[in-house]
């Protein structure tokens, strides 16, 4: 359980796992810890996007067992990448990666009901334009389960 990056702090290193493994966790809406990924031997370990951009991490990365890691300071990584990165792509890649990453973490942080409420809150027209089957697929639930969510919400509104 040695911590490589703590949720809420800016990661200082990028590592390569030499032995053991690391697990990536985030806190759910109910305060429980959810595992959202792993890094095994030979793989990179970092909250790369946030560390690279000097932003607080949205995850905690900690050893899942006795582990060893080679690491490099993120400032050095940033200098290497900045020297070879195409400036025309950076305004596109950053926001795109951030959106995809946030969506991925939300699958672990929130319940299907919370994700349903988020999507209809953000896109109220979705119920009139997108099939419930497609919405269920997006939420990673069955259409039957989505129907239960909708029925439960309707009951709560009627109370």
N, C-alpha and C. Protein backbone atom coordinates (compact mmCIF):
# COMPACT_ATOMS: atom_id res chain seq x y z
N UNK A 1 0.80 -1.21 0.00
CA UNK A 1 0.00 0.00 0.00
C UNK A 1 0.84 1.28 0.00
N UNK A 2 2.13 1.18 -0.34
CA UNK A 2 2.93 2.40 -0.49
C UNK A 2 2.34 3.22 -1.64
N UNK A 3 2.22 4.53 -1.42
CA UNK A 3 1.54 5.39 -2.37
C UNK A 3 2.54 6.01 -3.35
N UNK A 4 2.21 5.94 -4.63
CA UNK A 4 3.01 6.56 -5.69
C UNK A 4 2.45 7.94 -6.02
N UNK A 5 1.14 8.06 -6.05
CA UNK A 5 0.43 9.34 -6.27
C UNK A 5 -0.80 9.33 -5.37
N UNK A 6 -1.09 10.46 -4.74
CA UNK A 6 -2.27 10.59 -3.89
C UNK A 6 -3.31 11.46 -4.58
N UNK A 7 -4.57 10.99 -4.56
CA UNK A 7 -5.66 11.77 -5.13
C UNK A 7 -5.66 13.15 -4.48
N UNK A 8 -5.72 14.19 -5.32
CA UNK A 8 -5.75 15.56 -4.83
C UNK A 8 -4.39 16.23 -4.82
N UNK A 9 -3.31 15.46 -5.02
CA UNK A 9 -1.98 16.06 -5.09
C UNK A 9 -1.43 15.92 -6.51
N UNK A 10 -0.45 16.73 -6.83
CA UNK A 10 0.16 16.69 -8.15
C UNK A 10 1.26 15.62 -8.16
N UNK A 11 1.15 14.67 -9.09
CA UNK A 11 2.14 13.62 -9.21
C UNK A 11 3.48 14.18 -9.65
N UNK A 12 4.55 13.73 -9.04
CA UNK A 12 5.88 14.26 -9.34
C UNK A 12 6.71 13.36 -10.23
N UNK A 13 6.26 12.09 -10.43
CA UNK A 13 7.08 11.13 -11.15
C UNK A 13 6.28 10.33 -12.16
N UNK A 14 6.99 9.85 -13.16
CA UNK A 14 6.52 8.82 -14.06
C UNK A 14 7.41 7.62 -13.78
N UNK A 15 6.83 6.45 -13.65
CA UNK A 15 7.61 5.27 -13.32
C UNK A 15 7.39 4.14 -14.29
N UNK A 16 8.29 3.16 -14.22
CA UNK A 16 8.13 1.89 -14.91
C UNK A 16 8.25 0.82 -13.83
N UNK A 17 7.25 -0.04 -13.76
CA UNK A 17 7.20 -1.06 -12.73
C UNK A 17 8.27 -2.12 -13.02
N UNK A 18 9.17 -2.32 -12.06
CA UNK A 18 10.22 -3.34 -12.20
C UNK A 18 9.76 -4.68 -11.65
N UNK A 19 9.00 -4.66 -10.56
CA UNK A 19 8.44 -5.88 -10.00
C UNK A 19 7.18 -5.55 -9.22
N UNK A 20 6.32 -6.54 -9.03
CA UNK A 20 5.06 -6.31 -8.34
C UNK A 20 4.07 -5.62 -9.24
N UNK A 21 3.12 -4.95 -8.61
CA UNK A 21 2.13 -4.19 -9.38
C UNK A 21 1.60 -3.03 -8.56
N UNK A 22 1.00 -2.08 -9.27
CA UNK A 22 0.36 -0.92 -8.65
C UNK A 22 -1.11 -0.92 -9.05
N UNK A 23 -1.94 -0.41 -8.16
CA UNK A 23 -3.36 -0.27 -8.49
C UNK A 23 -3.75 1.19 -8.45
N UNK A 24 -4.63 1.55 -9.37
CA UNK A 24 -5.16 2.89 -9.48
C UNK A 24 -6.54 2.87 -8.84
N UNK A 25 -6.78 3.78 -7.90
CA UNK A 25 -8.07 3.82 -7.22
C UNK A 25 -8.65 5.24 -7.24
N UNK A 26 -9.95 5.31 -7.09
CA UNK A 26 -10.64 6.58 -6.94
C UNK A 26 -11.75 6.38 -5.92
N UNK A 27 -12.23 7.46 -5.37
CA UNK A 27 -13.31 7.36 -4.40
C UNK A 27 -14.65 7.45 -5.11
N UNK A 28 -15.57 6.57 -4.74
CA UNK A 28 -16.91 6.60 -5.31
C UNK A 28 -17.72 7.71 -4.64
N UNK A 29 -18.91 7.94 -5.16
CA UNK A 29 -19.77 8.98 -4.59
C UNK A 29 -20.17 8.64 -3.16
N UNK A 30 -20.12 7.35 -2.80
CA UNK A 30 -20.45 6.95 -1.43
C UNK A 30 -19.22 6.88 -0.53
N UNK A 31 -18.05 7.28 -1.06
CA UNK A 31 -16.84 7.33 -0.25
C UNK A 31 -16.03 6.05 -0.23
N UNK A 32 -16.47 5.03 -0.97
CA UNK A 32 -15.71 3.79 -1.05
C UNK A 32 -14.62 3.89 -2.10
N UNK A 33 -13.62 3.04 -1.97
CA UNK A 33 -12.53 3.01 -2.93
C UNK A 33 -12.87 2.06 -4.07
N UNK A 34 -12.69 2.52 -5.32
CA UNK A 34 -12.92 1.68 -6.50
C UNK A 34 -11.61 1.56 -7.26
N UNK A 35 -11.25 0.35 -7.64
CA UNK A 35 -10.05 0.11 -8.44
C UNK A 35 -10.41 0.41 -9.90
N UNK A 36 -9.64 1.32 -10.52
CA UNK A 36 -9.93 1.72 -11.90
C UNK A 36 -8.84 1.31 -12.87
N UNK A 37 -7.77 0.69 -12.36
CA UNK A 37 -6.72 0.24 -13.26
C UNK A 37 -5.55 -0.37 -12.51
N UNK A 38 -4.64 -0.94 -13.30
CA UNK A 38 -3.44 -1.57 -12.75
C UNK A 38 -2.23 -1.21 -13.61
N UNK A 39 -1.06 -1.32 -13.03
CA UNK A 39 0.20 -1.24 -13.78
C UNK A 39 1.05 -2.42 -13.30
N UNK A 40 1.43 -3.29 -14.24
CA UNK A 40 2.19 -4.48 -13.93
C UNK A 40 3.63 -4.32 -14.42
N UNK A 41 4.46 -5.35 -14.16
CA UNK A 41 5.88 -5.29 -14.55
C UNK A 41 6.03 -4.86 -16.00
N UNK A 42 6.95 -3.89 -16.20
CA UNK A 42 7.24 -3.40 -17.54
C UNK A 42 6.31 -2.30 -18.02
N UNK A 43 5.28 -1.98 -17.24
CA UNK A 43 4.32 -0.96 -17.66
C UNK A 43 4.60 0.37 -16.95
N UNK A 44 4.13 1.44 -17.58
CA UNK A 44 4.27 2.78 -17.02
C UNK A 44 3.27 2.95 -15.89
N UNK A 45 3.70 3.61 -14.82
CA UNK A 45 2.82 3.93 -13.71
C UNK A 45 2.87 5.44 -13.50
N UNK A 46 1.70 6.09 -13.64
CA UNK A 46 1.58 7.54 -13.45
C UNK A 46 0.15 7.95 -13.70
N UNK A 47 -0.25 9.07 -13.13
CA UNK A 47 -1.47 9.76 -13.55
C UNK A 47 -0.96 10.78 -14.56
N UNK A 48 -0.65 10.29 -15.75
CA UNK A 48 0.16 11.05 -16.69
C UNK A 48 -0.44 12.41 -17.03
N UNK A 49 -1.68 12.44 -17.48
CA UNK A 49 -2.25 13.70 -17.95
C UNK A 49 -2.22 14.78 -16.88
N UNK A 50 -2.68 14.43 -15.68
CA UNK A 50 -2.72 15.43 -14.62
C UNK A 50 -1.32 15.81 -14.14
N UNK A 51 -0.45 14.83 -14.02
CA UNK A 51 0.93 15.13 -13.59
C UNK A 51 1.64 16.00 -14.61
N UNK A 52 1.48 15.65 -15.87
CA UNK A 52 2.12 16.41 -16.95
C UNK A 52 1.66 17.86 -16.94
N UNK A 53 0.37 18.06 -16.67
CA UNK A 53 -0.20 19.41 -16.68
C UNK A 53 -0.23 20.08 -15.32
N UNK A 54 0.50 19.49 -14.36
CA UNK A 54 0.63 20.04 -13.01
C UNK A 54 -0.74 20.24 -12.34
N UNK A 55 -1.63 19.29 -12.57
CA UNK A 55 -2.97 19.34 -11.99
C UNK A 55 -3.07 18.28 -10.89
N UNK A 56 -3.91 18.52 -9.89
CA UNK A 56 -4.09 17.51 -8.85
C UNK A 56 -4.63 16.20 -9.45
N UNK A 57 -4.13 15.12 -8.96
CA UNK A 57 -4.53 13.80 -9.45
C UNK A 57 -5.97 13.50 -9.08
N UNK A 58 -6.65 12.82 -9.98
CA UNK A 58 -8.01 12.37 -9.72
C UNK A 58 -8.03 10.95 -9.17
N UNK A 59 -6.86 10.36 -9.01
CA UNK A 59 -6.74 8.98 -8.54
C UNK A 59 -5.62 8.87 -7.52
N UNK A 60 -5.63 7.76 -6.80
CA UNK A 60 -4.49 7.38 -5.95
C UNK A 60 -3.87 6.16 -6.61
N UNK A 61 -2.56 6.15 -6.67
CA UNK A 61 -1.84 4.99 -7.19
C UNK A 61 -1.01 4.44 -6.05
N UNK A 62 -1.22 3.16 -5.74
CA UNK A 62 -0.47 2.56 -4.64
C UNK A 62 -0.09 1.13 -4.98
N UNK A 63 0.99 0.68 -4.34
CA UNK A 63 1.47 -0.67 -4.57
C UNK A 63 0.43 -1.66 -4.11
N UNK A 64 0.17 -2.68 -4.93
CA UNK A 64 -0.76 -3.72 -4.56
C UNK A 64 -0.08 -4.88 -3.86
N UNK A 65 1.24 -4.90 -3.92
CA UNK A 65 2.07 -5.92 -3.29
C UNK A 65 3.46 -5.31 -3.15
N UNK A 66 4.43 -6.08 -2.64
CA UNK A 66 5.79 -5.57 -2.65
C UNK A 66 6.14 -5.23 -4.09
N UNK A 67 6.58 -4.02 -4.32
CA UNK A 67 6.80 -3.56 -5.69
C UNK A 67 8.06 -2.71 -5.76
N UNK A 68 8.60 -2.67 -6.94
CA UNK A 68 9.78 -1.85 -7.22
C UNK A 68 9.49 -1.08 -8.50
N UNK A 69 9.93 0.18 -8.53
CA UNK A 69 9.65 1.02 -9.69
C UNK A 69 10.86 1.91 -9.99
N UNK A 70 11.18 2.04 -11.28
CA UNK A 70 12.16 3.04 -11.72
C UNK A 70 11.37 4.28 -12.04
N UNK A 71 11.87 5.43 -11.61
CA UNK A 71 11.08 6.64 -11.85
C UNK A 71 11.94 7.77 -12.37
N UNK A 72 11.25 8.68 -13.07
CA UNK A 72 11.87 9.88 -13.59
C UNK A 72 11.00 11.05 -13.16
N UNK A 73 11.63 12.15 -12.85
CA UNK A 73 10.90 13.35 -12.44
C UNK A 73 10.01 13.82 -13.58
N UNK A 74 8.77 14.15 -13.27
CA UNK A 74 7.82 14.59 -14.30
C UNK A 74 8.29 15.85 -15.01
N UNK A 75 9.03 16.70 -14.33
CA UNK A 75 9.56 17.91 -14.99
C UNK A 75 10.50 17.51 -16.13
N UNK A 76 11.30 16.46 -15.94
CA UNK A 76 12.18 15.98 -17.00
C UNK A 76 11.39 15.38 -18.15
N UNK A 77 10.32 14.66 -17.83
CA UNK A 77 9.45 14.09 -18.86
C UNK A 77 8.82 15.22 -19.66
N UNK A 78 8.34 16.23 -18.96
CA UNK A 78 7.71 17.38 -19.60
C UNK A 78 8.68 18.05 -20.57
N UNK A 79 9.93 18.23 -20.15
CA UNK A 79 10.93 18.86 -21.02
C UNK A 79 11.19 18.02 -22.26
N UNK A 80 11.27 16.71 -22.11
CA UNK A 80 11.50 15.83 -23.26
C UNK A 80 10.34 15.89 -24.25
N UNK A 81 9.13 15.86 -23.74
CA UNK A 81 7.96 15.88 -24.62
C UNK A 81 7.78 17.25 -25.26
N UNK A 82 7.91 18.29 -24.49
CA UNK A 82 7.73 19.64 -25.02
C UNK A 82 8.71 19.93 -26.16
N UNK A 83 9.91 19.36 -26.08
CA UNK A 83 10.92 19.59 -27.11
C UNK A 83 10.55 18.92 -28.43
N UNK A 84 9.69 17.89 -28.39
CA UNK A 84 9.39 17.16 -29.62
C UNK A 84 7.91 17.18 -30.00
N UNK A 85 7.07 17.86 -29.21
CA UNK A 85 5.62 17.83 -29.45
C UNK A 85 5.21 18.87 -30.47
N UNK A 86 4.29 18.51 -31.34
CA UNK A 86 3.76 19.41 -32.36
C UNK A 86 2.79 20.40 -31.71
N UNK A 87 3.13 21.66 -31.70
CA UNK A 87 2.30 22.69 -31.06
C UNK A 87 0.89 22.78 -31.64
N UNK A 88 0.71 22.37 -32.89
CA UNK A 88 -0.62 22.43 -33.50
C UNK A 88 -1.59 21.42 -32.90
N UNK A 89 -1.08 20.34 -32.33
CA UNK A 89 -1.95 19.31 -31.78
C UNK A 89 -2.28 19.52 -30.31
N UNK A 90 -1.45 20.21 -29.57
CA UNK A 90 -1.65 20.30 -28.13
C UNK A 90 -3.00 20.89 -27.72
N UNK A 91 -3.55 21.89 -28.41
CA UNK A 91 -4.87 22.39 -27.99
C UNK A 91 -5.99 21.37 -28.19
N UNK A 92 -5.77 20.36 -29.03
CA UNK A 92 -6.79 19.36 -29.31
C UNK A 92 -6.62 18.14 -28.40
N UNK A 93 -5.42 17.65 -28.27
CA UNK A 93 -5.16 16.41 -27.55
C UNK A 93 -5.47 16.53 -26.06
N UNK A 94 -5.07 17.61 -25.43
CA UNK A 94 -5.30 17.78 -24.00
C UNK A 94 -6.76 17.70 -23.61
N UNK A 95 -7.62 18.53 -24.16
CA UNK A 95 -9.04 18.46 -23.80
C UNK A 95 -9.69 17.12 -24.16
N UNK A 96 -9.29 16.53 -25.28
CA UNK A 96 -9.85 15.24 -25.67
C UNK A 96 -9.49 14.17 -24.65
N UNK A 97 -8.22 14.10 -24.30
CA UNK A 97 -7.79 13.11 -23.32
C UNK A 97 -8.47 13.34 -21.98
N UNK A 98 -8.58 14.58 -21.57
CA UNK A 98 -9.21 14.91 -20.29
C UNK A 98 -10.66 14.46 -20.27
N UNK A 99 -11.40 14.67 -21.34
CA UNK A 99 -12.80 14.26 -21.40
C UNK A 99 -12.93 12.74 -21.33
N UNK A 100 -12.13 12.03 -22.08
CA UNK A 100 -12.18 10.57 -22.08
C UNK A 100 -11.83 10.03 -20.70
N UNK A 101 -10.80 10.57 -20.10
CA UNK A 101 -10.35 10.13 -18.79
C UNK A 101 -11.42 10.38 -17.73
N UNK A 102 -12.04 11.54 -17.76
CA UNK A 102 -13.10 11.87 -16.80
C UNK A 102 -14.28 10.92 -16.94
N UNK A 103 -14.67 10.63 -18.18
CA UNK A 103 -15.78 9.69 -18.41
C UNK A 103 -15.44 8.31 -17.85
N UNK A 104 -14.22 7.88 -18.07
CA UNK A 104 -13.80 6.57 -17.57
C UNK A 104 -13.87 6.52 -16.04
N UNK A 105 -13.35 7.53 -15.38
CA UNK A 105 -13.37 7.54 -13.92
C UNK A 105 -14.80 7.62 -13.38
N UNK A 106 -15.68 8.32 -14.07
CA UNK A 106 -17.06 8.43 -13.61
C UNK A 106 -17.75 7.07 -13.59
N UNK A 107 -17.33 6.14 -14.46
CA UNK A 107 -17.91 4.80 -14.45
C UNK A 107 -17.66 4.11 -13.11
N UNK A 108 -16.59 4.47 -12.45
CA UNK A 108 -16.24 3.86 -11.17
C UNK A 108 -16.70 4.71 -9.99
N UNK A 109 -16.75 5.99 -10.17
CA UNK A 109 -17.09 6.88 -9.07
C UNK A 109 -18.58 6.92 -8.78
N UNK A 110 -19.39 6.80 -9.81
CA UNK A 110 -20.82 7.02 -9.67
C UNK A 110 -21.61 5.75 -9.96
N UNK A 111 -22.78 5.69 -9.37
CA UNK A 111 -23.69 4.58 -9.64
C UNK A 111 -24.34 4.80 -11.00
N UNK A 112 -24.93 3.75 -11.58
CA UNK A 112 -25.66 3.95 -12.83
C UNK A 112 -26.76 5.01 -12.72
N UNK A 113 -27.43 5.06 -11.59
CA UNK A 113 -28.48 6.07 -11.40
C UNK A 113 -27.88 7.47 -11.43
N UNK A 114 -26.76 7.66 -10.75
CA UNK A 114 -26.11 8.97 -10.75
C UNK A 114 -25.65 9.35 -12.16
N UNK A 115 -25.12 8.39 -12.91
CA UNK A 115 -24.68 8.67 -14.29
C UNK A 115 -25.88 9.00 -15.18
N UNK A 116 -27.00 8.30 -14.95
CA UNK A 116 -28.22 8.59 -15.71
C UNK A 116 -28.69 10.01 -15.44
N UNK A 117 -28.74 10.38 -14.17
CA UNK A 117 -29.17 11.74 -13.81
C UNK A 117 -28.22 12.78 -14.40
N UNK A 118 -26.93 12.49 -14.40
CA UNK A 118 -25.95 13.41 -14.99
C UNK A 118 -26.21 13.63 -16.48
N UNK A 119 -26.41 12.52 -17.21
CA UNK A 119 -26.54 12.66 -18.67
C UNK A 119 -27.85 13.34 -19.05
N UNK A 120 -28.94 13.05 -18.34
CA UNK A 120 -30.20 13.74 -18.70
C UNK A 120 -30.18 15.18 -18.20
N UNK A 121 -29.39 15.45 -17.16
CA UNK A 121 -29.24 16.83 -16.70
C UNK A 121 -28.41 17.66 -17.66
N UNK A 122 -27.37 17.04 -18.21
CA UNK A 122 -26.49 17.75 -19.14
C UNK A 122 -27.09 17.84 -20.54
N UNK A 123 -27.81 16.81 -20.94
CA UNK A 123 -28.41 16.75 -22.28
C UNK A 123 -29.89 16.41 -22.15
N UNK A 124 -30.73 17.36 -21.75
CA UNK A 124 -32.15 17.07 -21.50
C UNK A 124 -32.87 16.51 -22.74
N UNK A 125 -32.40 16.85 -23.91
CA UNK A 125 -33.04 16.39 -25.15
C UNK A 125 -32.73 14.93 -25.46
N UNK A 126 -31.83 14.31 -24.71
CA UNK A 126 -31.38 12.95 -25.02
C UNK A 126 -32.53 11.95 -25.00
N UNK A 127 -33.48 12.14 -24.09
CA UNK A 127 -34.58 11.18 -23.98
C UNK A 127 -35.49 11.19 -25.20
N UNK A 128 -35.51 12.28 -25.91
CA UNK A 128 -36.33 12.37 -27.12
C UNK A 128 -35.60 12.00 -28.39
N UNK A 129 -34.28 11.90 -28.32
CA UNK A 129 -33.52 11.66 -29.54
C UNK A 129 -32.71 10.36 -29.54
N UNK A 130 -32.39 9.84 -28.38
CA UNK A 130 -31.56 8.64 -28.29
C UNK A 130 -32.40 7.52 -27.69
N UNK A 131 -32.28 6.33 -28.25
CA UNK A 131 -33.07 5.20 -27.74
C UNK A 131 -32.62 4.84 -26.32
N UNK A 132 -33.57 4.32 -25.54
CA UNK A 132 -33.23 3.88 -24.18
C UNK A 132 -32.21 2.74 -24.22
N UNK A 133 -32.26 1.93 -25.25
CA UNK A 133 -31.27 0.85 -25.41
C UNK A 133 -29.86 1.44 -25.53
N UNK A 134 -29.72 2.51 -26.31
CA UNK A 134 -28.41 3.15 -26.47
C UNK A 134 -27.97 3.85 -25.19
N UNK A 135 -28.90 4.46 -24.50
CA UNK A 135 -28.56 5.10 -23.23
C UNK A 135 -28.11 4.05 -22.22
N UNK A 136 -28.82 2.92 -22.17
CA UNK A 136 -28.43 1.82 -21.27
C UNK A 136 -27.03 1.33 -21.61
N UNK A 137 -26.75 1.17 -22.89
CA UNK A 137 -25.43 0.72 -23.31
C UNK A 137 -24.34 1.70 -22.88
N UNK A 138 -24.61 2.98 -23.05
CA UNK A 138 -23.66 4.02 -22.63
C UNK A 138 -23.40 3.95 -21.12
N UNK A 139 -24.46 3.68 -20.36
CA UNK A 139 -24.35 3.61 -18.90
C UNK A 139 -23.80 2.28 -18.42
N UNK A 140 -23.58 1.34 -19.34
CA UNK A 140 -23.10 -0.01 -19.04
C UNK A 140 -24.07 -0.79 -18.16
N UNK A 141 -25.36 -0.64 -18.47
CA UNK A 141 -26.40 -1.41 -17.80
C UNK A 141 -27.30 -2.02 -18.88
N UNK A 142 -28.12 -2.97 -18.49
CA UNK A 142 -29.08 -3.54 -19.43
C UNK A 142 -30.27 -2.60 -19.57
N UNK A 143 -31.02 -2.73 -20.67
CA UNK A 143 -32.24 -1.91 -20.80
C UNK A 143 -33.22 -2.16 -19.65
N UNK A 144 -33.30 -3.40 -19.17
CA UNK A 144 -34.18 -3.72 -18.05
C UNK A 144 -33.74 -2.96 -16.80
N UNK A 145 -32.44 -2.93 -16.55
CA UNK A 145 -31.93 -2.21 -15.37
C UNK A 145 -32.19 -0.71 -15.50
N UNK A 146 -32.02 -0.16 -16.70
CA UNK A 146 -32.32 1.26 -16.91
C UNK A 146 -33.80 1.53 -16.65
N UNK A 147 -34.66 0.61 -17.05
CA UNK A 147 -36.08 0.77 -16.78
C UNK A 147 -36.35 0.82 -15.27
N UNK A 148 -35.64 -0.02 -14.52
CA UNK A 148 -35.79 0.00 -13.05
C UNK A 148 -35.33 1.34 -12.48
N UNK A 149 -34.22 1.85 -12.99
CA UNK A 149 -33.72 3.16 -12.54
C UNK A 149 -34.79 4.22 -12.78
N UNK A 150 -35.34 4.23 -13.98
CA UNK A 150 -36.34 5.24 -14.34
C UNK A 150 -37.60 5.10 -13.48
N UNK A 151 -38.03 3.86 -13.22
CA UNK A 151 -39.21 3.63 -12.38
C UNK A 151 -38.96 4.10 -10.95
N UNK A 152 -37.79 3.77 -10.41
CA UNK A 152 -37.46 4.20 -9.04
C UNK A 152 -37.41 5.72 -8.92
N UNK A 153 -36.84 6.38 -9.93
CA UNK A 153 -36.78 7.84 -9.91
C UNK A 153 -38.19 8.44 -10.00
N UNK A 154 -39.03 7.84 -10.81
CA UNK A 154 -40.42 8.33 -10.94
C UNK A 154 -41.16 8.18 -9.62
N UNK A 155 -40.94 7.06 -8.93
CA UNK A 155 -41.58 6.85 -7.62
C UNK A 155 -41.11 7.89 -6.62
N UNK A 156 -39.80 8.18 -6.61
CA UNK A 156 -39.26 9.17 -5.67
C UNK A 156 -39.82 10.56 -5.94
N UNK A 157 -40.03 10.90 -7.20
CA UNK A 157 -40.59 12.21 -7.55
C UNK A 157 -42.05 12.30 -7.16
N UNK A 158 -42.75 11.15 -7.14
CA UNK A 158 -44.16 11.13 -6.79
C UNK A 158 -44.41 11.15 -5.29
N UNK A 159 -43.36 10.94 -4.52
CA UNK A 159 -43.52 10.92 -3.05
C UNK A 159 -43.67 12.29 -2.47
